[in-house]
Amino acid sequence: MYCVIPNALYAGSTEKATNIAKLQKHSITHVIGLTTNQPITYPNIKYECVRNICVQDNPQENIYLHFREVGNIIHSALMLGGRVLIHCHNGVNLSPSFVIAYLMQHKKLNFNESLEVLRKSYPAANPHSSYVEQLEFFDYDLNKMEIC
């Protein structure tokens, strides 16, 4: 599990998301699973939100459709003082892509700045080239909206 924003936003794999000791150590209150699998259950731990977004981790997937929804879930949780873990199966492509989208949408960073922030804390992050294209379009879309 990698801490992208200290005491707030974490990203990782499903393996990390099922490590109860790590979740407790970091006081995770919200878990966002990017998966097509069954939701993970967390016995003996109370979470404010466990949310599964049905997304496949393959280059043909249109993840752009979910950027705003996931970004808003993360933002709402953080505004309540929560700590969010966003995860996908391997924690390399999909969850890092959504962290980048969140940083662009709510921290007003551009794509390159967001990628740099992510890679400082999460060097293994390596979004698919098709995800990068969708993130660049999201960046363009966000900036276009600010001009209007």
C-alpha atoms as a PDB file:
ATOM      1  CA  MET A   1       0.000   0.000   0.000  1.00  0.00           C
ATOM      2  CA  TYR A   2       1.424   3.340  -1.061  1.00  0.00           C
ATOM      3  CA  CYS A   3       0.577   6.644   0.570  1.00  0.00           C
ATOM      4  CA  VAL A   4      -0.051   9.264  -2.131  1.00  0.00           C
ATOM      5  CA  ILE A   5      -1.382  12.013   0.142  1.00  0.00           C
ATOM      6  CA  PRO A   6      -0.131  11.660   3.739  1.00  0.00           C
ATOM      7  CA  ASN A   7      -2.776  10.397   6.159  1.00  0.00           C
ATOM      8  CA  ALA A   8      -5.415  10.601   3.446  1.00  0.00           C
ATOM      9  CA  LEU A   9      -5.085   8.726   0.128  1.00  0.00           C
ATOM     10  CA  TYR A  10      -3.523   5.325  -0.422  1.00  0.00           C
ATOM     11  CA  ALA A  11      -3.297   3.127  -3.514  1.00  0.00           C
ATOM     12  CA  GLY A  12      -2.424  -0.495  -3.997  1.00  0.00           C
ATOM     13  CA  SER A  13      -3.348  -3.996  -4.991  1.00  0.00           C
ATOM     14  CA  THR A  14      -6.137  -6.301  -3.875  1.00  0.00           C
ATOM     15  CA  GLU A  15      -3.536  -8.161  -1.824  1.00  0.00           C
ATOM     16  CA  LYS A  16      -2.833  -4.979   0.152  1.00  0.00           C
ATOM     17  CA  ALA A  17      -6.542  -4.263   0.467  1.00  0.00           C
ATOM     18  CA  THR A  18      -7.038  -7.595   2.221  1.00  0.00           C
ATOM     19  CA  ASN A  19      -4.211  -7.063   4.707  1.00  0.00           C
ATOM     20  CA  ILE A  20      -6.265  -6.210   7.777  1.00  0.00           C
ATOM     21  CA  ALA A  21      -3.222  -5.245   9.858  1.00  0.00           C
ATOM     22  CA  LYS A  22      -2.096  -2.678   7.249  1.00  0.00           C
ATOM     23  CA  LEU A  23      -5.600  -1.276   6.906  1.00  0.00           C
ATOM     24  CA  GLN A  24      -5.814  -0.832  10.671  1.00  0.00           C
ATOM     25  CA  LYS A  25      -2.280   0.598  10.878  1.00  0.00           C
ATOM     26  CA  HIS A  26      -3.211   3.327   8.369  1.00  0.00           C
ATOM     27  CA  SER A  27      -6.716   3.828   9.851  1.00  0.00           C
ATOM     28  CA  ILE A  28      -8.397   3.282   6.476  1.00  0.00           C
ATOM     29  CA  THR A  29     -12.058   4.310   6.604  1.00  0.00           C
ATOM     30  CA  HIS A  30     -13.025   4.038   2.927  1.00  0.00           C
ATOM     31  CA  VAL A  31     -12.096   1.356   0.416  1.00  0.00           C
ATOM     32  CA  ILE A  32     -12.702   1.706  -3.313  1.00  0.00           C
ATOM     33  CA  GLY A  33     -12.212  -1.520  -5.231  1.00  0.00           C
ATOM     34  CA  LEU A  34     -11.807  -1.287  -8.988  1.00  0.00           C
ATOM     35  CA  THR A  35     -12.700  -4.813  -9.918  1.00  0.00           C
ATOM     36  CA  THR A  36     -15.141  -7.119 -11.611  1.00  0.00           C
ATOM     37  CA  ASN A  37     -14.734  -9.660  -8.811  1.00  0.00           C
ATOM     38  CA  GLN A  38     -16.936 -10.102  -5.777  1.00  0.00           C
ATOM     39  CA  PRO A  39     -16.551  -7.316  -3.239  1.00  0.00           C
ATOM     40  CA  ILE A  40     -14.034  -7.995  -0.512  1.00  0.00           C
ATOM     41  CA  THR A  41     -15.525  -8.328   2.937  1.00  0.00           C
ATOM     42  CA  TYR A  42     -13.744  -6.941   5.961  1.00  0.00           C
ATOM     43  CA  PRO A  43     -14.663  -8.916   9.078  1.00  0.00           C
ATOM     44  CA  ASN A  44     -14.257  -7.257  12.471  1.00  0.00           C
ATOM     45  CA  ILE A  45     -13.507  -3.838  10.968  1.00  0.00           C
ATOM     46  CA  LYS A  46     -16.042  -1.071  10.513  1.00  0.00           C
ATOM     47  CA  TYR A  47     -15.678   0.957   7.361  1.00  0.00           C
ATOM     48  CA  GLU A  48     -17.662   4.015   6.476  1.00  0.00           C
ATOM     49  CA  CYS A  49     -17.741   2.938   2.868  1.00  0.00           C
ATOM     50  CA  VAL A  50     -16.702  -0.066   0.850  1.00  0.00           C
ATOM     51  CA  ARG A  51     -17.418   0.690  -2.774  1.00  0.00           C
ATOM     52  CA  ASN A  52     -16.753  -1.511  -5.764  1.00  0.00           C
ATOM     53  CA  ILE A  53     -16.655   0.071  -9.195  1.00  0.00           C
ATOM     54  CA  CYS A  54     -17.052  -2.550 -11.901  1.00  0.00           C
ATOM     55  CA  VAL A  55     -14.115  -1.891 -14.215  1.00  0.00           C
ATOM     56  CA  GLN A  56     -11.950  -4.338 -16.106  1.00  0.00           C
ATOM     57  CA  ASP A  57      -8.228  -3.762 -16.156  1.00  0.00           C
ATOM     58  CA  ASN A  58      -7.629  -3.980 -19.867  1.00  0.00           C
ATOM     59  CA  PRO A  59      -6.487  -1.366 -22.378  1.00  0.00           C
ATOM     60  CA  GLN A  60      -9.851  -1.339 -24.192  1.00  0.00           C
ATOM     61  CA  GLU A  61     -11.804  -0.355 -21.064  1.00  0.00           C
ATOM     62  CA  ASN A  62     -13.283   3.147 -21.056  1.00  0.00           C
ATOM     63  CA  ILE A  63     -12.272   4.193 -17.557  1.00  0.00           C
ATOM     64  CA  TYR A  64     -12.921   7.868 -18.359  1.00  0.00           C
ATOM     65  CA  LEU A  65     -16.604   7.200 -17.662  1.00  0.00           C
ATOM     66  CA  HIS A  66     -15.809   6.631 -13.973  1.00  0.00           C
ATOM     67  CA  PHE A  67     -13.216   9.366 -13.276  1.00  0.00           C
ATOM     68  CA  ARG A  68     -15.636  11.957 -11.887  1.00  0.00           C
ATOM     69  CA  GLU A  69     -17.623   9.483  -9.789  1.00  0.00           C
ATOM     70  CA  VAL A  70     -14.534   7.962  -8.171  1.00  0.00           C
ATOM     71  CA  GLY A  71     -12.911  11.374  -7.727  1.00  0.00           C
ATOM     72  CA  ASN A  72     -16.012  12.644  -5.959  1.00  0.00           C
ATOM     73  CA  ILE A  73     -16.137   9.591  -3.667  1.00  0.00           C
ATOM     74  CA  ILE A  74     -12.501  10.141  -2.708  1.00  0.00           C
ATOM     75  CA  HIS A  75     -13.013  13.868  -2.228  1.00  0.00           C
ATOM     76  CA  SER A  76     -16.116  13.424  -0.057  1.00  0.00           C
ATOM     77  CA  ALA A  77     -14.354  10.885   2.153  1.00  0.00           C
ATOM     78  CA  LEU A  78     -11.313  13.113   2.610  1.00  0.00           C
ATOM     79  CA  MET A  79     -13.491  16.136   3.417  1.00  0.00           C
ATOM     80  CA  LEU A  80     -15.015  14.082   6.243  1.00  0.00           C
ATOM     81  CA  GLY A  81     -11.536  13.342   7.603  1.00  0.00           C
ATOM     82  CA  GLY A  82     -11.483   9.818   6.207  1.00  0.00           C
ATOM     83  CA  ARG A  83      -8.605   7.815   4.832  1.00  0.00           C
ATOM     84  CA  VAL A  84      -9.137   6.189   1.467  1.00  0.00           C
ATOM     85  CA  LEU A  85      -7.559   3.118  -0.080  1.00  0.00           C
ATOM     86  CA  ILE A  86      -8.203   2.680  -3.784  1.00  0.00           C
ATOM     87  CA  HIS A  87      -7.121  -0.647  -5.203  1.00  0.00           C
ATOM     88  CA  CYS A  88      -7.203  -2.833  -8.274  1.00  0.00           C
ATOM     89  CA  HIS A  89      -5.952  -6.376  -8.806  1.00  0.00           C
ATOM     90  CA  ASN A  90      -2.221  -5.698  -9.216  1.00  0.00           C
ATOM     91  CA  GLY A  91      -2.179  -2.061  -8.155  1.00  0.00           C
ATOM     92  CA  VAL A  92      -0.112  -0.940 -11.139  1.00  0.00           C
ATOM     93  CA  ASN A  93      -2.449   0.301 -13.893  1.00  0.00           C
ATOM     94  CA  LEU A  94      -5.991   0.955 -12.843  1.00  0.00           C
ATOM     95  CA  SER A  95      -5.876   2.350  -9.298  1.00  0.00           C
ATOM     96  CA  PRO A  96      -2.937   4.666 -10.143  1.00  0.00           C
ATOM     97  CA  SER A  97      -4.944   5.986 -13.103  1.00  0.00           C
ATOM     98  CA  PHE A  98      -7.818   6.916 -10.809  1.00  0.00           C
ATOM     99  CA  VAL A  99      -5.452   8.567  -8.336  1.00  0.00           C
ATOM    100  CA  ILE A 100      -4.132  10.715 -11.191  1.00  0.00           C
ATOM    101  CA  ALA A 101      -7.699  11.594 -12.213  1.00  0.00           C
ATOM    102  CA  TYR A 102      -8.514  12.571  -8.610  1.00  0.00           C
ATOM    103  CA  LEU A 103      -5.429  14.801  -8.386  1.00  0.00           C
ATOM    104  CA  MET A 104      -6.392  16.531 -11.632  1.00  0.00           C
ATOM    105  CA  GLN A 105     -10.051  16.946 -10.699  1.00  0.00           C
ATOM    106  CA  HIS A 106      -9.766  18.022  -7.064  1.00  0.00           C
ATOM    107  CA  LYS A 107      -6.190  19.240  -6.595  1.00  0.00           C
ATOM    108  CA  LYS A 108      -6.202  21.128  -9.908  1.00  0.00           C
ATOM    109  CA  LEU A 109      -2.947  19.561 -11.108  1.00  0.00           C
ATOM    110  CA  ASN A 110      -2.405  18.799 -14.774  1.00  0.00           C
ATOM    111  CA  PHE A 111      -1.689  15.275 -15.992  1.00  0.00           C
ATOM    112  CA  ASN A 112       2.115  15.550 -15.818  1.00  0.00           C
ATOM    113  CA  GLU A 113       2.050  17.116 -12.350  1.00  0.00           C
ATOM    114  CA  SER A 114      -0.336  14.432 -11.117  1.00  0.00           C
ATOM    115  CA  LEU A 115       1.809  11.650 -12.539  1.00  0.00           C
ATOM    116  CA  GLU A 116       4.876  13.154 -10.872  1.00  0.00           C
ATOM    117  CA  VAL A 117       3.132  13.334  -7.472  1.00  0.00           C
ATOM    118  CA  LEU A 118       2.002   9.739  -7.834  1.00  0.00           C
ATOM    119  CA  ARG A 119       5.386   8.387  -8.924  1.00  0.00           C
ATOM    120  CA  LYS A 120       7.197  10.078  -6.012  1.00  0.00           C
ATOM    121  CA  SER A 121       5.241   7.948  -3.577  1.00  0.00           C
ATOM    122  CA  TYR A 122       4.330   5.032  -5.823  1.00  0.00           C
ATOM    123  CA  PRO A 123       7.194   4.346  -8.272  1.00  0.00           C
ATOM    124  CA  ALA A 124       5.639   1.068  -9.466  1.00  0.00           C
ATOM    125  CA  ALA A 125       2.629   2.927 -10.878  1.00  0.00           C
ATOM    126  CA  ASN A 126       2.502   2.404 -14.622  1.00  0.00           C
ATOM    127  CA  PRO A 127      -0.857   3.135 -16.278  1.00  0.00           C
ATOM    128  CA  HIS A 128      -1.546   1.527 -19.671  1.00  0.00           C
ATOM    129  CA  SER A 129      -0.917   3.850 -22.613  1.00  0.00           C
ATOM    130  CA  SER A 130      -4.662   3.809 -23.370  1.00  0.00           C
ATOM    131  CA  TYR A 131      -5.351   4.934 -19.789  1.00  0.00           C
ATOM    132  CA  VAL A 132      -2.792   7.708 -20.227  1.00  0.00           C
ATOM    133  CA  GLU A 133      -4.667   8.862 -23.348  1.00  0.00           C
ATOM    134  CA  GLN A 134      -7.939   8.914 -21.397  1.00  0.00           C
ATOM    135  CA  LEU A 135      -6.286  10.826 -18.550  1.00  0.00           C
ATOM    136  CA  GLU A 136      -4.864  13.370 -20.987  1.00  0.00           C
ATOM    137  CA  PHE A 137      -8.339  13.830 -22.459  1.00  0.00           C
ATOM    138  CA  PHE A 138      -9.755  14.224 -18.924  1.00  0.00           C
ATOM    139  CA  ASP A 139      -7.093  16.869 -18.261  1.00  0.00           C
ATOM    140  CA  TYR A 140      -8.119  18.685 -21.449  1.00  0.00           C
ATOM    141  CA  ASP A 141     -11.795  18.336 -20.516  1.00  0.00           C
ATOM    142  CA  LEU A 142     -11.242  19.754 -17.010  1.00  0.00           C
ATOM    143  CA  ASN A 143      -9.245  22.712 -18.323  1.00  0.00           C
ATOM    144  CA  LYS A 144     -11.809  23.385 -21.049  1.00  0.00           C
ATOM    145  CA  MET A 145     -14.529  23.578 -18.384  1.00  0.00           C
ATOM    146  CA  GLU A 146     -12.514  26.106 -16.344  1.00  0.00           C
ATOM    147  CA  ILE A 147     -12.220  28.455 -19.350  1.00  0.00           C
ATOM    148  CA  CYS A 148     -15.983  28.530 -19.969  1.00  0.00           C
END
